[in-house]
Amino acid sequence: MIVRRATVEDLKPLAILFDEYRQFYGASSDLQRSFQFLKQRFENEESVIFIHVKDDVFTGFILLYLGFSSVACSTYYILDDVYVTPTYRRQGSAKQLIDTAILFAQHQNAQRISLQTQKNNYQSHELYEQMGFVKDNEFQTYHCFLK
């Protein structure tokens, strides 16, 4: 099993996995929309995507967005999505993806990696905390939905 940075040539199989991820979180399957979303991220250089591959099969991915800290005058990464297809879960794939994201962010001299996860996603909470992520008890998250 390897983790490598995704390229535009990976778009078709990555879009299938990304569509599976979206369905996991309750979205309707829309392979074309998934493909176009990822294609835009590549074309606009708006994200960094790493994929987990086993025997030429894409088994998972992690998607990072660049953020900026005004107070620290520094950059950080937002870990927006991490997904491993059910067949390959509990085999260390998510940990490998997150390790790669951490190494990448360190190499980019980023201040931190930040993420949000559902309050009832206890397995992910445990993994993140084992990997050095610290739960934020100081700030409250708010959203202003526009659509």
N, C-alpha and C. Protein backbone atom coordinates (compact mmCIF):
# COMPACT_ATOMS: atom_id res chain seq x y z
N MET A 1 0.84 -1.17 0.00
CA MET A 1 0.00 0.00 0.00
C MET A 1 0.89 1.24 0.00
N ILE A 2 0.56 2.19 -0.86
CA ILE A 2 1.33 3.42 -0.92
C ILE A 2 0.39 4.62 -0.84
N VAL A 3 0.95 5.74 -0.42
CA VAL A 3 0.26 7.02 -0.46
C VAL A 3 1.08 7.91 -1.36
N ARG A 4 0.40 8.56 -2.29
CA ARG A 4 1.09 9.48 -3.18
C ARG A 4 0.18 10.66 -3.49
N ARG A 5 0.79 11.72 -3.95
CA ARG A 5 0.02 12.91 -4.32
C ARG A 5 -0.74 12.63 -5.61
N ALA A 6 -2.00 12.99 -5.61
CA ALA A 6 -2.83 12.79 -6.80
C ALA A 6 -2.46 13.79 -7.88
N THR A 7 -2.62 13.37 -9.12
CA THR A 7 -2.39 14.24 -10.27
C THR A 7 -3.67 14.30 -11.09
N VAL A 8 -3.69 15.18 -12.04
CA VAL A 8 -4.87 15.33 -12.89
C VAL A 8 -5.17 14.02 -13.65
N GLU A 9 -4.15 13.23 -13.89
CA GLU A 9 -4.36 11.94 -14.56
C GLU A 9 -5.13 10.95 -13.68
N ASP A 10 -5.21 11.21 -12.39
CA ASP A 10 -5.94 10.35 -11.46
C ASP A 10 -7.41 10.73 -11.33
N LEU A 11 -7.85 11.74 -12.04
CA LEU A 11 -9.18 12.30 -11.83
C LEU A 11 -10.32 11.28 -11.95
N LYS A 12 -10.32 10.46 -12.96
CA LYS A 12 -11.46 9.54 -13.14
C LYS A 12 -11.61 8.56 -11.98
N PRO A 13 -10.57 7.80 -11.62
CA PRO A 13 -10.76 6.89 -10.48
C PRO A 13 -10.93 7.63 -9.16
N LEU A 14 -10.31 8.79 -9.03
CA LEU A 14 -10.47 9.58 -7.81
C LEU A 14 -11.90 10.09 -7.69
N ALA A 15 -12.49 10.50 -8.79
CA ALA A 15 -13.88 11.00 -8.77
C ALA A 15 -14.85 9.90 -8.32
N ILE A 16 -14.59 8.67 -8.69
CA ILE A 16 -15.44 7.55 -8.26
C ILE A 16 -15.36 7.41 -6.74
N LEU A 17 -14.16 7.46 -6.21
CA LEU A 17 -13.96 7.35 -4.76
C LEU A 17 -14.56 8.57 -4.05
N PHE A 18 -14.39 9.75 -4.63
CA PHE A 18 -14.92 10.98 -4.05
C PHE A 18 -16.45 10.94 -4.04
N ASP A 19 -17.04 10.40 -5.08
CA ASP A 19 -18.51 10.27 -5.15
C ASP A 19 -18.99 9.30 -4.06
N GLU A 20 -18.24 8.23 -3.84
CA GLU A 20 -18.55 7.27 -2.77
C GLU A 20 -18.51 7.98 -1.41
N TYR A 21 -17.51 8.81 -1.21
CA TYR A 21 -17.36 9.60 0.01
C TYR A 21 -18.57 10.51 0.21
N ARG A 22 -18.97 11.21 -0.84
CA ARG A 22 -20.11 12.12 -0.76
C ARG A 22 -21.39 11.36 -0.38
N GLN A 23 -21.55 10.18 -0.95
CA GLN A 23 -22.72 9.36 -0.62
C GLN A 23 -22.68 8.92 0.83
N PHE A 24 -21.50 8.60 1.33
CA PHE A 24 -21.32 8.21 2.72
C PHE A 24 -21.87 9.28 3.66
N TYR A 25 -21.73 10.55 3.26
CA TYR A 25 -22.22 11.66 4.08
C TYR A 25 -23.61 12.14 3.65
N GLY A 26 -24.32 11.32 2.89
CA GLY A 26 -25.73 11.60 2.61
C GLY A 26 -26.04 12.31 1.31
N ALA A 27 -25.04 12.65 0.51
CA ALA A 27 -25.29 13.29 -0.78
C ALA A 27 -25.72 12.24 -1.80
N SER A 28 -26.50 12.66 -2.76
CA SER A 28 -26.88 11.76 -3.85
C SER A 28 -25.69 11.53 -4.76
N SER A 29 -25.62 10.35 -5.32
CA SER A 29 -24.54 10.05 -6.25
C SER A 29 -24.63 10.97 -7.46
N ASP A 30 -23.52 11.58 -7.81
CA ASP A 30 -23.43 12.44 -8.98
C ASP A 30 -21.97 12.43 -9.42
N LEU A 31 -21.62 11.42 -10.19
CA LEU A 31 -20.23 11.22 -10.60
C LEU A 31 -19.70 12.41 -11.39
N GLN A 32 -20.53 12.96 -12.27
CA GLN A 32 -20.09 14.11 -13.07
C GLN A 32 -19.79 15.31 -12.18
N ARG A 33 -20.64 15.55 -11.20
CA ARG A 33 -20.42 16.67 -10.28
C ARG A 33 -19.14 16.46 -9.46
N SER A 34 -18.94 15.23 -9.00
CA SER A 34 -17.72 14.90 -8.25
C SER A 34 -16.49 15.13 -9.12
N PHE A 35 -16.55 14.66 -10.36
CA PHE A 35 -15.43 14.83 -11.28
C PHE A 35 -15.14 16.32 -11.51
N GLN A 36 -16.18 17.09 -11.79
CA GLN A 36 -16.00 18.52 -12.06
C GLN A 36 -15.45 19.27 -10.85
N PHE A 37 -15.93 18.92 -9.66
CA PHE A 37 -15.45 19.56 -8.44
C PHE A 37 -13.94 19.34 -8.29
N LEU A 38 -13.52 18.09 -8.42
CA LEU A 38 -12.10 17.77 -8.29
C LEU A 38 -11.28 18.40 -9.41
N LYS A 39 -11.81 18.38 -10.60
CA LYS A 39 -11.11 18.97 -11.75
C LYS A 39 -10.84 20.46 -11.51
N GLN A 40 -11.83 21.16 -10.97
CA GLN A 40 -11.64 22.58 -10.66
C GLN A 40 -10.57 22.78 -9.60
N ARG A 41 -10.53 21.92 -8.61
CA ARG A 41 -9.51 22.06 -7.56
C ARG A 41 -8.12 21.93 -8.18
N PHE A 42 -7.97 20.97 -9.12
CA PHE A 42 -6.67 20.80 -9.79
C PHE A 42 -6.36 22.00 -10.68
N GLU A 43 -7.30 22.38 -11.52
CA GLU A 43 -7.06 23.47 -12.47
C GLU A 43 -6.73 24.77 -11.77
N ASN A 44 -7.39 25.05 -10.66
CA ASN A 44 -7.18 26.30 -9.94
C ASN A 44 -6.11 26.18 -8.85
N GLU A 45 -5.51 25.01 -8.74
CA GLU A 45 -4.50 24.74 -7.72
C GLU A 45 -4.99 25.15 -6.34
N GLU A 46 -6.21 24.72 -6.01
CA GLU A 46 -6.87 25.12 -4.77
C GLU A 46 -6.77 24.08 -3.66
N SER A 47 -6.23 22.93 -3.96
CA SER A 47 -6.13 21.91 -2.93
C SER A 47 -4.97 20.97 -3.23
N VAL A 48 -4.63 20.22 -2.20
CA VAL A 48 -3.63 19.16 -2.33
C VAL A 48 -4.35 17.87 -1.96
N ILE A 49 -4.24 16.88 -2.83
CA ILE A 49 -4.93 15.62 -2.61
C ILE A 49 -3.89 14.50 -2.63
N PHE A 50 -3.95 13.67 -1.60
CA PHE A 50 -3.14 12.46 -1.54
C PHE A 50 -4.07 11.27 -1.63
N ILE A 51 -3.62 10.24 -2.34
CA ILE A 51 -4.42 9.03 -2.50
C ILE A 51 -3.68 7.83 -1.92
N HIS A 52 -4.46 6.92 -1.41
CA HIS A 52 -3.95 5.65 -0.88
C HIS A 52 -4.24 4.61 -1.95
N VAL A 53 -3.22 3.88 -2.36
CA VAL A 53 -3.35 2.93 -3.46
C VAL A 53 -2.87 1.55 -3.02
N LYS A 54 -3.66 0.56 -3.33
CA LYS A 54 -3.26 -0.84 -3.07
C LYS A 54 -3.55 -1.64 -4.34
N ASP A 55 -2.54 -2.27 -4.88
CA ASP A 55 -2.68 -3.08 -6.11
C ASP A 55 -3.40 -2.31 -7.21
N ASP A 56 -2.97 -1.06 -7.43
CA ASP A 56 -3.53 -0.17 -8.46
C ASP A 56 -4.98 0.23 -8.22
N VAL A 57 -5.51 -0.01 -7.03
CA VAL A 57 -6.88 0.39 -6.68
C VAL A 57 -6.79 1.55 -5.71
N PHE A 58 -7.54 2.61 -5.98
CA PHE A 58 -7.60 3.75 -5.07
C PHE A 58 -8.48 3.36 -3.89
N THR A 59 -7.90 3.33 -2.71
CA THR A 59 -8.63 2.87 -1.53
C THR A 59 -9.00 4.00 -0.58
N GLY A 60 -8.41 5.16 -0.75
CA GLY A 60 -8.72 6.29 0.11
C GLY A 60 -8.05 7.56 -0.37
N PHE A 61 -8.44 8.67 0.24
CA PHE A 61 -7.84 9.95 -0.12
C PHE A 61 -7.93 10.91 1.06
N ILE A 62 -7.12 11.94 0.99
CA ILE A 62 -7.17 13.04 1.94
C ILE A 62 -7.06 14.32 1.13
N LEU A 63 -7.87 15.30 1.48
CA LEU A 63 -7.94 16.54 0.73
C LEU A 63 -7.62 17.71 1.66
N LEU A 64 -6.63 18.49 1.29
CA LEU A 64 -6.18 19.64 2.09
C LEU A 64 -6.41 20.94 1.33
N TYR A 65 -6.80 21.96 2.06
CA TYR A 65 -6.91 23.31 1.52
C TYR A 65 -5.97 24.22 2.29
N LEU A 66 -5.37 25.16 1.60
CA LEU A 66 -4.48 26.11 2.23
C LEU A 66 -5.29 27.18 2.94
N GLY A 67 -4.90 27.49 4.18
CA GLY A 67 -5.51 28.56 4.96
C GLY A 67 -4.44 29.54 5.37
N PHE A 68 -4.88 30.69 5.86
CA PHE A 68 -3.96 31.73 6.27
C PHE A 68 -4.32 32.22 7.66
N SER A 69 -3.32 32.35 8.51
CA SER A 69 -3.51 32.87 9.86
C SER A 69 -3.02 34.31 9.89
N SER A 70 -3.94 35.24 10.07
CA SER A 70 -3.57 36.65 10.13
C SER A 70 -2.76 36.96 11.38
N VAL A 71 -3.14 36.37 12.50
CA VAL A 71 -2.45 36.64 13.76
C VAL A 71 -1.01 36.13 13.70
N ALA A 72 -0.83 34.91 13.20
CA ALA A 72 0.51 34.32 13.14
C ALA A 72 1.27 34.72 11.87
N CYS A 73 0.59 35.41 10.95
CA CYS A 73 1.21 35.74 9.65
C CYS A 73 1.83 34.49 9.05
N SER A 74 1.03 33.44 9.00
CA SER A 74 1.52 32.14 8.56
C SER A 74 0.42 31.40 7.80
N THR A 75 0.82 30.31 7.20
CA THR A 75 -0.15 29.45 6.52
C THR A 75 -0.45 28.24 7.38
N TYR A 76 -1.57 27.61 7.10
CA TYR A 76 -1.93 26.34 7.70
C TYR A 76 -2.75 25.57 6.69
N TYR A 77 -2.99 24.31 6.95
CA TYR A 77 -3.81 23.50 6.06
C TYR A 77 -5.08 23.07 6.76
N ILE A 78 -6.14 23.07 6.01
CA ILE A 78 -7.43 22.58 6.48
C ILE A 78 -7.59 21.17 5.93
N LEU A 79 -7.67 20.22 6.82
CA LEU A 79 -7.92 18.84 6.42
C LEU A 79 -9.44 18.74 6.30
N ASP A 80 -9.92 18.87 5.08
CA ASP A 80 -11.36 18.94 4.87
C ASP A 80 -11.99 17.56 4.69
N ASP A 81 -11.26 16.67 4.06
CA ASP A 81 -11.83 15.36 3.78
C ASP A 81 -10.76 14.28 3.95
N VAL A 82 -11.12 13.23 4.63
CA VAL A 82 -10.30 12.01 4.64
C VAL A 82 -11.28 10.86 4.55
N TYR A 83 -11.01 9.95 3.62
CA TYR A 83 -11.95 8.86 3.39
C TYR A 83 -11.19 7.61 2.97
N VAL A 84 -11.63 6.50 3.53
CA VAL A 84 -11.13 5.18 3.14
C VAL A 84 -12.35 4.33 2.83
N THR A 85 -12.33 3.70 1.68
CA THR A 85 -13.46 2.86 1.29
C THR A 85 -13.64 1.73 2.32
N PRO A 86 -14.88 1.35 2.64
CA PRO A 86 -15.13 0.41 3.75
C PRO A 86 -14.30 -0.88 3.74
N THR A 87 -14.05 -1.44 2.57
CA THR A 87 -13.30 -2.69 2.48
C THR A 87 -11.89 -2.57 3.06
N TYR A 88 -11.32 -1.36 3.01
CA TYR A 88 -9.92 -1.17 3.42
C TYR A 88 -9.78 -0.47 4.77
N ARG A 89 -10.87 -0.31 5.48
CA ARG A 89 -10.81 0.36 6.79
C ARG A 89 -10.19 -0.56 7.83
N ARG A 90 -9.70 0.07 8.90
CA ARG A 90 -9.11 -0.63 10.04
C ARG A 90 -7.82 -1.37 9.66
N GLN A 91 -7.14 -0.87 8.61
CA GLN A 91 -5.88 -1.47 8.17
C GLN A 91 -4.75 -0.44 8.17
N GLY A 92 -5.00 0.74 8.74
CA GLY A 92 -3.98 1.76 8.82
C GLY A 92 -3.95 2.75 7.67
N SER A 93 -4.91 2.64 6.76
CA SER A 93 -4.92 3.52 5.59
C SER A 93 -5.12 4.98 5.97
N ALA A 94 -6.08 5.26 6.84
CA ALA A 94 -6.34 6.64 7.26
C ALA A 94 -5.12 7.22 7.96
N LYS A 95 -4.49 6.42 8.79
CA LYS A 95 -3.29 6.88 9.49
C LYS A 95 -2.19 7.22 8.49
N GLN A 96 -2.00 6.38 7.47
CA GLN A 96 -0.98 6.66 6.46
C GLN A 96 -1.29 7.96 5.72
N LEU A 97 -2.55 8.18 5.40
CA LEU A 97 -2.95 9.40 4.70
C LEU A 97 -2.69 10.63 5.57
N ILE A 98 -3.07 10.55 6.84
CA ILE A 98 -2.88 11.68 7.75
C ILE A 98 -1.40 11.93 8.00
N ASP A 99 -0.62 10.87 8.18
CA ASP A 99 0.84 11.01 8.33
C ASP A 99 1.43 11.75 7.15
N THR A 100 1.00 11.39 5.96
CA THR A 100 1.50 12.04 4.74
C THR A 100 1.12 13.51 4.73
N ALA A 101 -0.13 13.81 5.11
CA ALA A 101 -0.57 15.21 5.15
C ALA A 101 0.26 16.01 6.15
N ILE A 102 0.56 15.43 7.30
CA ILE A 102 1.36 16.10 8.32
C ILE A 102 2.77 16.37 7.79
N LEU A 103 3.38 15.37 7.19
CA LEU A 103 4.72 15.56 6.63
C LEU A 103 4.73 16.63 5.54
N PHE A 104 3.71 16.61 4.71
CA PHE A 104 3.61 17.62 3.65
C PHE A 104 3.50 19.02 4.25
N ALA A 105 2.61 19.19 5.22
CA ALA A 105 2.41 20.50 5.84
C ALA A 105 3.69 20.98 6.54
N GLN A 106 4.38 20.06 7.20
CA GLN A 106 5.66 20.42 7.83
C GLN A 106 6.66 20.88 6.77
N HIS A 107 6.72 20.16 5.67
CA HIS A 107 7.65 20.51 4.58
C HIS A 107 7.31 21.88 3.99
N GLN A 108 6.03 22.25 4.02
CA GLN A 108 5.60 23.55 3.50
C GLN A 108 5.73 24.66 4.55
N ASN A 109 6.27 24.31 5.72
CA ASN A 109 6.43 25.26 6.84
C ASN A 109 5.10 25.84 7.31
N ALA A 110 4.06 25.03 7.24
CA ALA A 110 2.75 25.46 7.72
C ALA A 110 2.74 25.46 9.25
N GLN A 111 1.91 26.31 9.80
CA GLN A 111 1.81 26.42 11.25
C GLN A 111 1.10 25.22 11.87
N ARG A 112 0.07 24.70 11.17
CA ARG A 112 -0.73 23.62 11.74
C ARG A 112 -1.59 23.00 10.65
N ILE A 113 -2.27 21.93 11.02
CA ILE A 113 -3.36 21.36 10.24
C ILE A 113 -4.59 21.42 11.13
N SER A 114 -5.68 21.96 10.61
CA SER A 114 -6.93 22.05 11.36
C SER A 114 -7.99 21.19 10.67
N LEU A 115 -8.91 20.67 11.46
CA LEU A 115 -9.99 19.88 10.90
C LEU A 115 -11.23 19.98 11.77
N GLN A 116 -12.35 19.63 11.19
CA GLN A 116 -13.60 19.48 11.93
C GLN A 116 -14.13 18.09 11.64
N THR A 117 -14.77 17.51 12.62
CA THR A 117 -15.39 16.21 12.41
C THR A 117 -16.69 16.17 13.20
N GLN A 118 -17.56 15.27 12.81
CA GLN A 118 -18.84 15.15 13.51
C GLN A 118 -18.61 14.77 14.97
N LYS A 119 -19.45 15.31 15.84
CA LYS A 119 -19.30 15.06 17.28
C LYS A 119 -19.42 13.59 17.64
N ASN A 120 -20.18 12.82 16.85
CA ASN A 120 -20.38 11.40 17.18
C ASN A 120 -19.45 10.47 16.42
N ASN A 121 -18.45 11.00 15.76
CA ASN A 121 -17.49 10.19 15.00
C ASN A 121 -16.33 9.81 15.93
N TYR A 122 -16.63 8.97 16.91
CA TYR A 122 -15.69 8.65 17.99
C TYR A 122 -14.42 7.95 17.50
N GLN A 123 -14.54 7.09 16.49
CA GLN A 123 -13.34 6.40 15.99
C GLN A 123 -12.35 7.41 15.39
N SER A 124 -12.87 8.38 14.66
CA SER A 124 -12.00 9.41 14.09
C SER A 124 -11.40 10.27 15.19
N HIS A 125 -12.19 10.63 16.20
CA HIS A 125 -11.68 11.42 17.32
C HIS A 125 -10.47 10.72 17.93
N GLU A 126 -10.62 9.43 18.18
CA GLU A 126 -9.55 8.66 18.80
C GLU A 126 -8.30 8.66 17.93
N LEU A 127 -8.48 8.44 16.63
CA LEU A 127 -7.33 8.42 15.72
C LEU A 127 -6.64 9.78 15.70
N TYR A 128 -7.42 10.86 15.55
CA TYR A 128 -6.82 12.19 15.49
C TYR A 128 -6.03 12.50 16.76
N GLU A 129 -6.60 12.16 17.90
CA GLU A 129 -5.91 12.44 19.16
C GLU A 129 -4.65 11.59 19.31
N GLN A 130 -4.70 10.34 18.84
CA GLN A 130 -3.49 9.49 18.87
C GLN A 130 -2.39 10.07 18.00
N MET A 131 -2.79 10.80 16.95
CA MET A 131 -1.82 11.34 16.01
C MET A 131 -1.36 12.75 16.38
N GLY A 132 -1.77 13.24 17.55
CA GLY A 132 -1.29 14.52 18.01
C GLY A 132 -2.22 15.70 17.82
N PHE A 133 -3.39 15.49 17.25
CA PHE A 133 -4.36 16.58 17.11
C PHE A 133 -4.94 16.87 18.49
N VAL A 134 -5.18 18.15 18.76
CA VAL A 134 -5.69 18.58 20.04
C VAL A 134 -7.08 19.18 19.84
N LYS A 135 -8.03 18.71 20.64
CA LYS A 135 -9.40 19.21 20.56
C LYS A 135 -9.43 20.67 21.00
N ASP A 136 -10.12 21.50 20.24
CA ASP A 136 -10.23 22.92 20.53
C ASP A 136 -11.42 23.15 21.45
N ASN A 137 -11.15 23.58 22.66
CA ASN A 137 -12.22 23.88 23.60
C ASN A 137 -12.40 25.38 23.79
N GLU A 138 -11.64 26.17 23.03
CA GLU A 138 -11.68 27.62 23.18
C GLU A 138 -12.63 28.29 22.20
N PHE A 139 -12.69 27.77 20.97
CA PHE A 139 -13.46 28.45 19.94
C PHE A 139 -14.73 27.67 19.59
N GLN A 140 -15.77 28.38 19.28
CA GLN A 140 -17.05 27.82 18.84
C GLN A 140 -17.14 28.01 17.33
N THR A 141 -17.64 27.02 16.64
CA THR A 141 -17.77 27.09 15.19
C THR A 141 -19.18 27.56 14.82
N TYR A 142 -19.27 28.49 13.89
CA TYR A 142 -20.55 28.98 13.37
C TYR A 142 -20.50 28.90 11.85
N HIS A 143 -21.66 28.77 11.25
CA HIS A 143 -21.78 28.75 9.79
C HIS A 143 -22.89 29.69 9.38
N CYS A 144 -22.73 30.34 8.27
CA CYS A 144 -23.79 31.12 7.65
C CYS A 144 -24.05 30.50 6.29
N PHE A 145 -25.07 29.65 6.22
CA PHE A 145 -25.36 28.94 4.98
C PHE A 145 -26.00 29.87 3.97
N LEU A 146 -25.47 29.87 2.76
CA LEU A 146 -25.93 30.79 1.72
C LEU A 146 -26.76 30.10 0.65
N LYS A 147 -26.81 28.80 0.67
CA LYS A 147 -27.62 28.05 -0.31
C LYS A 147 -28.44 27.03 0.41
